[in-house]
PDB file of N, CA and C in Angstrom:
ATOM      1  N   MET A   1      71.323  98.468 101.303  1.00  0.00           N
ATOM      2  CA  MET A   1      72.173  99.184 101.577  1.00  0.00           C
ATOM      3  C   MET A   1      72.732  98.726 100.830  1.00  0.00           C
ATOM      4  N   ALA A   2      73.509  99.744  99.919  1.00  0.00           N
ATOM      5  CA  ALA A   2      75.065 100.059  98.976  1.00  0.00           C
ATOM      6  C   ALA A   2      75.825  99.133  99.419  1.00  0.00           C
ATOM      7  N   SER A   3      76.851  98.729  98.792  1.00  0.00           N
ATOM      8  CA  SER A   3      77.707  98.403  99.212  1.00  0.00           C
ATOM      9  C   SER A   3      78.693  99.626  99.084  1.00  0.00           C
ATOM     10  N   PRO A   4      79.586  99.335  99.783  1.00  0.00           N
ATOM     11  CA  PRO A   4      80.656 100.536 100.015  1.00  0.00           C
ATOM     12  C   PRO A   4      81.276 101.069  98.012  1.00  0.00           C
ATOM     13  N   ALA A   5      81.667  99.674  97.530  1.00  0.00           N
ATOM     14  CA  ALA A   5      81.967  99.846  96.212  1.00  0.00           C
ATOM     15  C   ALA A   5      81.383 100.763  95.364  1.00  0.00           C
ATOM     16  N   SER A   6      80.005 100.276  95.017  1.00  0.00           N
ATOM     17  CA  SER A   6      78.560 101.061  94.600  1.00  0.00           C
ATOM     18  C   SER A   6      78.709 102.493  95.080  1.00  0.00           C
ATOM     19  N   THR A   7      79.285 102.896  96.266  1.00  0.00           N
ATOM     20  CA  THR A   7      78.851 104.432  96.226  1.00  0.00           C
ATOM     21  C   THR A   7      80.474 105.505  96.278  1.00  0.00           C
ATOM     22  N   HIS A   8      81.385 104.213  95.832  1.00  0.00           N
ATOM     23  CA  HIS A   8      82.764 104.871  95.538  1.00  0.00           C
ATOM     24  C   HIS A   8      82.978 104.915  94.181  1.00  0.00           C
ATOM     25  N   PRO A   9      83.273 105.691  93.276  1.00  0.00           N
ATOM     26  CA  PRO A   9      83.788 106.154  91.991  1.00  0.00           C
ATOM     27  C   PRO A   9      84.818 105.180  92.482  1.00  0.00           C
ATOM     28  N   GLY A  10      85.015 104.647  90.654  1.00  0.00           N
ATOM     29  CA  GLY A  10      85.932 103.643  90.307  1.00  0.00           C
ATOM     30  C   GLY A  10      87.307 104.239  89.761  1.00  0.00           C
ATOM     31  N   ILE A  11      88.572 104.022  90.170  1.00  0.00           N
ATOM     32  CA  ILE A  11      89.762 104.551  89.593  1.00  0.00           C
ATOM     33  C   ILE A  11      90.384 103.629  88.817  1.00  0.00           C
ATOM     34  N   SER A  12      90.798 104.461  87.904  1.00  0.00           N
ATOM     35  CA  SER A  12      91.951 104.059  87.187  1.00  0.00           C
ATOM     36  C   SER A  12      93.655 104.803  87.179  1.00  0.00           C
ATOM     37  N   TYR A  13      94.377 103.939  87.801  1.00  0.00           N
ATOM     38  CA  TYR A  13      95.541 103.905  87.904  1.00  0.00           C
ATOM     39  C   TYR A  13      96.343 103.663  86.565  1.00  0.00           C
ATOM     40  N   VAL A  14      97.175 105.055  85.637  1.00  0.00           N
ATOM     41  CA  VAL A  14      97.903 104.899  84.237  1.00  0.00           C
ATOM     42  C   VAL A  14      99.179 104.709  84.386  1.00  0.00           C
ATOM     43  N   MET A  15      99.785 103.892  84.319  1.00  0.00           N
ATOM     44  CA  MET A  15     101.251 103.774  84.618  1.00  0.00           C
ATOM     45  C   MET A  15     101.940 103.391  83.175  1.00  0.00           C
ATOM     46  N   PRO A  16     103.143 104.351  82.390  1.00  0.00           N
ATOM     47  CA  PRO A  16     103.683 104.054  81.847  1.00  0.00           C
ATOM     48  C   PRO A  16     104.905 103.653  82.106  1.00  0.00           C
ATOM     49  N   VAL A  17     105.278 102.475  81.395  1.00  0.00           N
ATOM     50  CA  VAL A  17     106.265 101.907  81.286  1.00  0.00           C
ATOM     51  C   VAL A  17     107.459 101.389  80.618  1.00  0.00           C
ATOM     52  N   TYR A  18     108.632 101.798  80.724  1.00  0.00           N
ATOM     53  CA  TYR A  18     109.782 101.421  80.029  1.00  0.00           C
ATOM     54  C   TYR A  18     111.446 100.576  80.779  1.00  0.00           C
ATOM     55  N   ASN A  19     111.279  99.681  80.259  1.00  0.00           N
ATOM     56  CA  ASN A  19     112.985  99.267  81.098  1.00  0.00           C
ATOM     57  C   ASN A  19     112.693  99.931  82.307  1.00  0.00           C
ATOM     58  N   GLU A  20     112.068  98.970  83.259  1.00  0.00           N
ATOM     59  CA  GLU A  20     111.981  99.402  84.990  1.00  0.00           C
ATOM     60  C   GLU A  20     111.686  98.248  85.536  1.00  0.00           C
ATOM     61  N   ALA A  21     112.673  96.828  85.401  1.00  0.00           N
ATOM     62  CA  ALA A  21     112.285  95.480  86.000  1.00  0.00           C
ATOM     63  C   ALA A  21     113.191  95.907  87.137  1.00  0.00           C
ATOM     64  N   ALA A  22     113.544  96.779  87.746  1.00  0.00           N
ATOM     65  CA  ALA A  22     113.937  97.068  88.661  1.00  0.00           C
ATOM     66  C   ALA A  22     112.949  97.640  89.837  1.00  0.00           C
ATOM     67  N   TYR A  23     112.448  98.251  89.313  1.00  0.00           N
ATOM     68  CA  TYR A  23     111.597  99.048  90.293  1.00  0.00           C
ATOM     69  C   TYR A  23     110.056  98.663  89.896  1.00  0.00           C
ATOM     70  N   ILE A  24     109.419  98.019  89.037  1.00  0.00           N
ATOM     71  CA  ILE A  24     108.149  97.333  88.567  1.00  0.00           C
ATOM     72  C   ILE A  24     107.388  96.890  89.405  1.00  0.00           C
ATOM     73  N   ASP A  25     107.746  96.161  90.218  1.00  0.00           N
ATOM     74  CA  ASP A  25     107.136  95.161  91.404  1.00  0.00           C
ATOM     75  C   ASP A  25     106.677  96.100  92.090  1.00  0.00           C
ATOM     76  N   ASP A  26     107.731  96.816  92.997  1.00  0.00           N
ATOM     77  CA  ASP A  26     107.482  97.824  93.943  1.00  0.00           C
ATOM     78  C   ASP A  26     106.546  98.674  93.715  1.00  0.00           C
ATOM     79  N   ALA A  27     106.185  99.429  92.610  1.00  0.00           N
ATOM     80  CA  ALA A  27     105.363 100.421  91.766  1.00  0.00           C
ATOM     81  C   ALA A  27     103.893  99.483  91.660  1.00  0.00           C
ATOM     82  N   ILE A  28     104.044  98.478  91.301  1.00  0.00           N
ATOM     83  CA  ILE A  28     102.610  97.513  90.687  1.00  0.00           C
ATOM     84  C   ILE A  28     101.829  97.315  92.235  1.00  0.00           C
ATOM     85  N   GLU A  29     102.634  97.195  92.927  1.00  0.00           N
ATOM     86  CA  GLU A  29     102.461  96.984  94.547  1.00  0.00           C
ATOM     87  C   GLU A  29     101.656  97.430  95.532  1.00  0.00           C
ATOM     88  N   SER A  30     102.206  99.056  95.233  1.00  0.00           N
ATOM     89  CA  SER A  30     102.218 100.050  95.708  1.00  0.00           C
ATOM     90  C   SER A  30     100.591 100.113  95.352  1.00  0.00           C
ATOM     91  N   VAL A  31     100.221 100.686  94.512  1.00  0.00           N
ATOM     92  CA  VAL A  31      98.881 100.437  93.685  1.00  0.00           C
ATOM     93  C   VAL A  31      97.790  99.222  94.013  1.00  0.00           C
ATOM     94  N   LEU A  32      98.074  98.612  93.622  1.00  0.00           N
ATOM     95  CA  LEU A  32      97.531  97.221  94.037  1.00  0.00           C
ATOM     96  C   LEU A  32      97.196  96.794  95.636  1.00  0.00           C
ATOM     97  N   ALA A  33      97.806  97.777  96.396  1.00  0.00           N
ATOM     98  CA  ALA A  33      97.699  97.805  98.073  1.00  0.00           C
ATOM     99  C   ALA A  33      96.700  98.755  98.587  1.00  0.00           C
ATOM    100  N   GLN A  34      96.700  99.899  97.353  1.00  0.00           N
ATOM    101  CA  GLN A  34      95.623 101.044  98.191  1.00  0.00           C
ATOM    102  C   GLN A  34      94.236 100.206  98.482  1.00  0.00           C
ATOM    103  N   GLN A  35      93.704 101.304  99.686  1.00  0.00           N
ATOM    104  CA  GLN A  35      92.840 101.311 100.794  1.00  0.00           C
ATOM    105  C   GLN A  35      91.757 101.995 100.255  1.00  0.00           C
ATOM    106  N   TYR A  36      91.718 101.813  98.699  1.00  0.00           N
ATOM    107  CA  TYR A  36      90.087 102.771  98.656  1.00  0.00           C
ATOM    108  C   TYR A  36      89.084 102.108  98.306  1.00  0.00           C
ATOM    109  N   PRO A  37      88.027 102.165  98.688  1.00  0.00           N
ATOM    110  CA  PRO A  37      87.267 100.939  98.415  1.00  0.00           C
ATOM    111  C   PRO A  37      86.041 100.668  97.255  1.00  0.00           C
ATOM    112  N   GLY A  38      86.646 101.975  97.001  1.00  0.00           N
ATOM    113  CA  GLY A  38      85.877 101.361  95.219  1.00  0.00           C
ATOM    114  C   GLY A  38      86.730 100.199  94.242  1.00  0.00           C
ATOM    115  N   GLU A  39      86.337 100.481  93.107  1.00  0.00           N
ATOM    116  CA  GLU A  39      86.943  99.647  92.214  1.00  0.00           C
ATOM    117  C   GLU A  39      87.749 100.349  91.453  1.00  0.00           C
ATOM    118  N   ARG A  40      89.188  99.606  91.489  1.00  0.00           N
ATOM    119  CA  ARG A  40      90.331  99.767  90.987  1.00  0.00           C
ATOM    120  C   ARG A  40      90.689  99.119  89.888  1.00  0.00           C
ATOM    121  N   GLU A  41      91.514  99.571  88.841  1.00  0.00           N
ATOM    122  CA  GLU A  41      92.252  98.947  88.211  1.00  0.00           C
ATOM    123  C   GLU A  41      94.115 100.042  87.684  1.00  0.00           C
ATOM    124  N   LEU A  42      94.894  98.784  87.436  1.00  0.00           N
ATOM    125  CA  LEU A  42      96.126  99.721  86.950  1.00  0.00           C
ATOM    126  C   LEU A  42      95.790  98.942  85.683  1.00  0.00           C
ATOM    127  N   VAL A  43      96.373 100.328  84.548  1.00  0.00           N
ATOM    128  CA  VAL A  43      96.243 100.294  83.469  1.00  0.00           C
ATOM    129  C   VAL A  43      97.837 100.558  82.718  1.00  0.00           C
ATOM    130  N   VAL A  44      98.717  99.032  82.522  1.00  0.00           N
ATOM    131  CA  VAL A  44     100.007  99.490  82.657  1.00  0.00           C
ATOM    132  C   VAL A  44     100.159  99.891  80.990  1.00  0.00           C
ATOM    133  N   VAL A  45     101.289 100.525  80.703  1.00  0.00           N
ATOM    134  CA  VAL A  45     101.080 101.035  79.313  1.00  0.00           C
ATOM    135  C   VAL A  45     102.701 100.824  78.947  1.00  0.00           C
ATOM    136  N   LEU A  46     102.942  99.201  78.241  1.00  0.00           N
ATOM    137  CA  LEU A  46     104.268  99.080  78.433  1.00  0.00           C
ATOM    138  C   LEU A  46     105.078  99.686  76.976  1.00  0.00           C
ATOM    139  N   GLY A  47     106.058 100.120  76.963  1.00  0.00           N
ATOM    140  CA  GLY A  47     107.061 100.170  75.615  1.00  0.00           C
ATOM    141  C   GLY A  47     107.716  98.646  75.305  1.00  0.00           C
ATOM    142  N   PRO A  48     108.600  99.087  74.918  1.00  0.00           N
ATOM    143  CA  PRO A  48     109.567  97.845  73.972  1.00  0.00           C
ATOM    144  C   PRO A  48     110.610  97.525  74.895  1.00  0.00           C
ATOM    145  N   SER A  49     110.286  97.025  76.493  1.00  0.00           N
ATOM    146  CA  SER A  49     111.795  96.880  77.177  1.00  0.00           C
ATOM    147  C   SER A  49     112.187  95.748  76.680  1.00  0.00           C
ATOM    148  N   THR A  50     113.169  96.045  77.199  1.00  0.00           N
ATOM    149  CA  THR A  50     114.503  94.881  76.504  1.00  0.00           C
ATOM    150  C   THR A  50     114.759  94.585  77.877  1.00  0.00           C
ATOM    151  N   ASP A  51     114.886  95.066  79.541  1.00  0.00           N
ATOM    152  CA  ASP A  51     114.730  94.154  80.796  1.00  0.00           C
ATOM    153  C   ASP A  51     114.463  93.380  81.086  1.00  0.00           C
ATOM    154  N   GLY A  52     113.112  92.471  80.249  1.00  0.00           N
ATOM    155  CA  GLY A  52     111.925  91.940  81.314  1.00  0.00           C
ATOM    156  C   GLY A  52     111.128  92.319  82.073  1.00  0.00           C
ATOM    157  N   THR A  53     111.025  93.496  81.861  1.00  0.00           N
ATOM    158  CA  THR A  53     110.117  94.513  82.700  1.00  0.00           C
ATOM    159  C   THR A  53     108.799  93.468  81.830  1.00  0.00           C
ATOM    160  N   THR A  54     108.403  93.959  80.594  1.00  0.00           N
ATOM    161  CA  THR A  54     107.491  92.678  79.959  1.00  0.00           C
ATOM    162  C   THR A  54     106.738  91.234  80.480  1.00  0.00           C
ATOM    163  N   GLU A  55     107.480  90.780  80.532  1.00  0.00           N
ATOM    164  CA  GLU A  55     107.803  89.512  80.807  1.00  0.00           C
ATOM    165  C   GLU A  55     107.211  89.698  82.830  1.00  0.00           C
ATOM    166  N   ARG A  56     107.737  90.371  82.971  1.00  0.00           N
ATOM    167  CA  ARG A  56     106.826  90.454  84.623  1.00  0.00           C
ATOM    168  C   ARG A  56     106.010  91.225  84.634  1.00  0.00           C
ATOM    169  N   VAL A  57     105.609  92.385  83.842  1.00  0.00           N
ATOM    170  CA  VAL A  57     104.202  92.729  84.083  1.00  0.00           C
ATOM    171  C   VAL A  57     103.260  91.763  83.510  1.00  0.00           C
ATOM    172  N   THR A  58     103.260  91.233  82.671  1.00  0.00           N
ATOM    173  CA  THR A  58     102.685  90.264  81.712  1.00  0.00           C
ATOM    174  C   THR A  58     102.111  88.940  83.149  1.00  0.00           C
ATOM    175  N   GLU A  59     103.231  88.555  83.976  1.00  0.00           N
ATOM    176  CA  GLU A  59     102.964  87.418  84.795  1.00  0.00           C
ATOM    177  C   GLU A  59     102.261  88.221  85.658  1.00  0.00           C
ATOM    178  N   ARG A  60     102.390  89.618  86.068  1.00  0.00           N
ATOM    179  CA  ARG A  60     101.175  89.969  87.218  1.00  0.00           C
ATOM    180  C   ARG A  60     100.167  90.344  86.842  1.00  0.00           C
ATOM    181  N   ALA A  61     100.023  90.415  85.150  1.00  0.00           N
ATOM    182  CA  ALA A  61      98.371  90.807  84.729  1.00  0.00           C
ATOM    183  C   ALA A  61      97.855  89.182  84.951  1.00  0.00           C
ATOM    184  N   VAL A  62      98.622  88.122  84.646  1.00  0.00           N
ATOM    185  CA  VAL A  62      98.046  86.476  84.315  1.00  0.00           C
ATOM    186  C   VAL A  62      97.490  86.665  85.692  1.00  0.00           C
ATOM    187  N   SER A  63      98.000  87.002  86.890  1.00  0.00           N
ATOM    188  CA  SER A  63      97.506  86.556  88.258  1.00  0.00           C
ATOM    189  C   SER A  63      96.543  87.522  89.016  1.00  0.00           C
ATOM    190  N   ASP A  64      96.440  88.620  88.276  1.00  0.00           N
ATOM    191  CA  ASP A  64      96.023  89.464  88.901  1.00  0.00           C
ATOM    192  C   ASP A  64      94.729  90.530  88.060  1.00  0.00           C
ATOM    193  N   SER A  65      93.341  90.476  87.766  1.00  0.00           N
ATOM    194  CA  SER A  65      92.810  91.043  87.075  1.00  0.00           C
ATOM    195  C   SER A  65      92.817  92.362  87.264  1.00  0.00           C
ATOM    196  N   ARG A  66      93.109  93.257  88.449  1.00  0.00           N
ATOM    197  CA  ARG A  66      92.932  94.293  88.388  1.00  0.00           C
ATOM    198  C   ARG A  66      94.038  94.890  87.707  1.00  0.00           C
ATOM    199  N   ILE A  67      95.249  94.296  86.541  1.00  0.00           N
ATOM    200  CA  ILE A  67      96.371  95.241  85.597  1.00  0.00           C
ATOM    201  C   ILE A  67      95.662  94.683  84.569  1.00  0.00           C
ATOM    202  N   ARG A  68      96.051  95.584  83.985  1.00  0.00           N
ATOM    203  CA  ARG A  68      95.403  95.886  82.079  1.00  0.00           C
ATOM    204  C   ARG A  68      96.726  95.782  81.527  1.00  0.00           C
ATOM    205  N   ILE A  69      96.969  95.863  80.272  1.00  0.00           N
ATOM    206  CA  ILE A  69      98.209  95.939  79.603  1.00  0.00           C
ATOM    207  C   ILE A  69      97.763  96.415  78.285  1.00  0.00           C
ATOM    208  N   VAL A  70      98.667  97.607  77.807  1.00  0.00           N
ATOM    209  CA  VAL A  70      98.171  98.588  76.882  1.00  0.00           C
ATOM    210  C   VAL A  70      99.960  98.187  75.972  1.00  0.00           C
ATOM    211  N   THR A  71      99.627  98.214  75.185  1.00  0.00           N
ATOM    212  CA  THR A  71     101.218  98.910  74.050  1.00  0.00           C
ATOM    213  C   THR A  71     101.302  99.777  73.490  1.00  0.00           C
ATOM    214  N   ASN A  72     103.054 100.371  73.949  1.00  0.00           N
ATOM    215  CA  ASN A  72     103.191 101.501  72.885  1.00  0.00           C
ATOM    216  C   ASN A  72     104.419 101.453  72.548  1.00  0.00           C
ATOM    217  N   ASP A  73     104.651 100.817  71.365  1.00  0.00           N
ATOM    218  CA  ASP A  73     106.233 100.858  70.727  1.00  0.00           C
ATOM    219  C   ASP A  73     106.426 102.363  70.274  1.00  0.00           C
ATOM    220  N   ALA A  74     105.980 103.319  70.625  1.00  0.00           N
ATOM    221  CA  ALA A  74     106.542 104.529  69.983  1.00  0.00           C
ATOM    222  C   ALA A  74     107.432 105.623  71.003  1.00  0.00           C
ATOM    223  N   LEU A  75     107.594 104.656  72.576  1.00  0.00           N
ATOM    224  CA  LEU A  75     108.386 105.080  73.070  1.00  0.00           C
ATOM    225  C   LEU A  75     108.079 106.566  73.742  1.00  0.00           C
ATOM    226  N   SER A  76     106.634 107.227  74.092  1.00  0.00           N
ATOM    227  CA  SER A  76     106.843 108.080  74.053  1.00  0.00           C
ATOM    228  C   SER A  76     105.604 108.659  75.253  1.00  0.00           C
ATOM    229  N   ILE A  77     106.217 109.551  76.496  1.00  0.00           N
ATOM    230  CA  ILE A  77     104.920 109.031  77.587  1.00  0.00           C
ATOM    231  C   ILE A  77     103.754 109.796  77.442  1.00  0.00           C
ATOM    232  N   PRO A  78     103.571 110.826  76.290  1.00  0.00           N
ATOM    233  CA  PRO A  78     102.626 112.082  76.114  1.00  0.00           C
ATOM    234  C   PRO A  78     101.788 110.689  75.718  1.00  0.00           C
ATOM    235  N   LEU A  79     102.202 110.004  74.400  1.00  0.00           N
ATOM    236  CA  LEU A  79     101.189 108.992  73.892  1.00  0.00           C
ATOM    237  C   LEU A  79     100.629 107.965  74.864  1.00  0.00           C
ATOM    238  N   SER A  80     102.320 106.959  75.905  1.00  0.00           N
ATOM    239  CA  SER A  80     101.562 106.459  76.701  1.00  0.00           C
ATOM    240  C   SER A  80     100.430 107.185  77.396  1.00  0.00           C
ATOM    241  N   LEU A  81     100.352 108.177  78.174  1.00  0.00           N
ATOM    242  CA  LEU A  81      98.947 108.462  78.942  1.00  0.00           C
ATOM    243  C   LEU A  81      97.840 108.447  78.181  1.00  0.00           C
ATOM    244  N   ASN A  82      98.071 109.049  77.085  1.00  0.00           N
ATOM    245  CA  ASN A  82      96.401 109.218  75.998  1.00  0.00           C
ATOM    246  C   ASN A  82      96.394 107.437  76.290  1.00  0.00           C
ATOM    247  N   LEU A  83      97.315 106.330  75.817  1.00  0.00           N
ATOM    248  CA  LEU A  83      96.607 105.208  75.030  1.00  0.00           C
ATOM    249  C   LEU A  83      96.363 104.821  76.302  1.00  0.00           C
ATOM    250  N   GLY A  84      96.439 104.965  77.798  1.00  0.00           N
ATOM    251  CA  GLY A  84      96.161 104.381  79.163  1.00  0.00           C
ATOM    252  C   GLY A  84      95.164 104.768  79.399  1.00  0.00           C
ATOM    253  N   ILE A  85      94.821 106.260  79.538  1.00  0.00           N
ATOM    254  CA  ILE A  85      93.618 106.966  79.848  1.00  0.00           C
ATOM    255  C   ILE A  85      92.396 106.591  78.846  1.00  0.00           C
ATOM    256  N   ARG A  86      92.706 106.162  77.176  1.00  0.00           N
ATOM    257  CA  ARG A  86      91.937 105.851  76.561  1.00  0.00           C
ATOM    258  C   ARG A  86      91.242 104.793  76.961  1.00  0.00           C
ATOM    259  N   ALA A  87      91.940 103.541  77.202  1.00  0.00           N
ATOM    260  CA  ALA A  87      92.037 102.441  77.880  1.00  0.00           C
ATOM    261  C   ALA A  87      91.124 102.346  79.124  1.00  0.00           C
ATOM    262  N   ALA A  88      91.040 103.083  79.708  1.00  0.00           N
ATOM    263  CA  ALA A  88      90.889 103.048  81.542  1.00  0.00           C
ATOM    264  C   ALA A  88      89.459 102.773  81.423  1.00  0.00           C
ATOM    265  N   ALA A  89      89.291 102.079  82.068  1.00  0.00           N
ATOM    266  CA  ALA A  89      87.151 101.801  82.486  1.00  0.00           C
ATOM    267  C   ALA A  89      86.766 102.735  83.581  1.00  0.00           C
ATOM    268  N   HIS A  90      87.036 103.094  83.796  1.00  0.00           N
ATOM    269  CA  HIS A  90      87.022 104.567  85.285  1.00  0.00           C
ATOM    270  C   HIS A  90      86.947 105.998  84.326  1.00  0.00           C
ATOM    271  N   ASP A  91      86.373 107.110  85.132  1.00  0.00           N
ATOM    272  CA  ASP A  91      86.137 108.524  84.494  1.00  0.00           C
ATOM    273  C   ASP A  91      87.217 108.875  85.670  1.00  0.00           C
ATOM    274  N   ILE A  92      87.880 108.900  86.749  1.00  0.00           N
ATOM    275  CA  ILE A  92      89.077 108.801  87.327  1.00  0.00           C
ATOM    276  C   ILE A  92      90.341 108.210  87.001  1.00  0.00           C
ATOM    277  N   ILE A  93      90.869 109.615  86.790  1.00  0.00           N
ATOM    278  CA  ILE A  93      92.152 108.557  86.317  1.00  0.00           C
ATOM    279  C   ILE A  93      93.629 109.685  87.530  1.00  0.00           C
ATOM    280  N   VAL A  94      94.165 108.415  87.967  1.00  0.00           N
ATOM    281  CA  VAL A  94      95.209 108.986  88.478  1.00  0.00           C
ATOM    282  C   VAL A  94      96.779 108.250  87.694  1.00  0.00           C
ATOM    283  N   ARG A  95      97.546 109.190  87.227  1.00  0.00           N
ATOM    284  CA  ARG A  95      98.697 108.778  86.956  1.00  0.00           C
ATOM    285  C   ARG A  95      99.794 108.249  87.619  1.00  0.00           C
ATOM    286  N   VAL A  96     100.451 107.401  87.485  1.00  0.00           N
ATOM    287  CA  VAL A  96     101.474 106.578  88.534  1.00  0.00           C
ATOM    288  C   VAL A  96     102.873 106.419  87.610  1.00  0.00           C
ATOM    289  N   ASP A  97     103.993 107.383  88.292  1.00  0.00           N
ATOM    290  CA  ASP A  97     105.467 106.552  87.210  1.00  0.00           C
ATOM    291  C   ASP A  97     105.760 105.241  87.667  1.00  0.00           C
ATOM    292  N   ALA A  98     106.733 104.875  87.089  1.00  0.00           N
ATOM    293  CA  ALA A  98     107.045 103.364  87.593  1.00  0.00           C
ATOM    294  C   ALA A  98     108.106 103.409  88.345  1.00  0.00           C
ATOM    295  N   HIS A  99     108.686 104.351  88.790  1.00  0.00           N
ATOM    296  CA  HIS A  99     109.295 104.715  89.711  1.00  0.00           C
ATOM    297  C   HIS A  99     108.667 104.494  91.271  1.00  0.00           C
ATOM    298  N   THR A 100     107.371 105.277  91.234  1.00  0.00           N
ATOM    299  CA  THR A 100     106.696 105.564  92.336  1.00  0.00           C
ATOM    300  C   THR A 100     106.054 104.295  93.118  1.00  0.00           C
ATOM    301  N   GLU A 101     106.132 104.667  94.518  1.00  0.00           N
ATOM    302  CA  GLU A 101     105.183 103.620  95.379  1.00  0.00           C
ATOM    303  C   GLU A 101     104.569 104.528  96.152  1.00  0.00           C
ATOM    304  N   LEU A 102     102.885 104.481  96.085  1.00  0.00           N
ATOM    305  CA  LEU A 102     102.169 105.219  96.557  1.00  0.00           C
ATOM    306  C   LEU A 102     101.977 104.935  97.753  1.00  0.00           C
ATOM    307  N   PRO A 103     101.554 105.596  99.251  1.00  0.00           N
ATOM    308  CA  PRO A 103     101.160 105.481 100.000  1.00  0.00           C
ATOM    309  C   PRO A 103      99.842 104.916  99.966  1.00  0.00           C
ATOM    310  N   ALA A 104      99.429 104.100 101.187  1.00  0.00           N
ATOM    311  CA  ALA A 104      98.479 102.797 100.919  1.00  0.00           C
ATOM    312  C   ALA A 104      97.142 104.131 101.099  1.00  0.00           C
ATOM    313  N   ASP A 105      97.049 104.958 101.726  1.00  0.00           N
ATOM    314  CA  ASP A 105      96.143 105.787 101.454  1.00  0.00           C
ATOM    315  C   ASP A 105      96.309 106.912 100.569  1.00  0.00           C
ATOM    316  N   TYR A 106      96.768 106.910  99.457  1.00  0.00           N
ATOM    317  CA  TYR A 106      97.034 107.655  98.782  1.00  0.00           C
ATOM    318  C   TYR A 106      95.464 108.360  97.829  1.00  0.00           C
TER     319      TYR A 106
END
């Protein structure tokens, strides 16, 4: 019998981020807490933050392999989304903003 993860397509959550130190931990936690049984990843596209956001995200990525980091020095949300989608491992993409807290069953 197939495992639940193999019967559900993988999902890549793409999150453009710039200077979001006050919100980023809650946003990341809400994505990681999703109750979806398939594979999941969070692609955080980091702009050149000056408030400690980059360090917080990097620390989280080191301790959780579901978090991947892509950099975008251009400070463009459309470019960030394109970079994140291009880097995504899965065909299903969910855009998540850094101020977002998804319900666990999103």
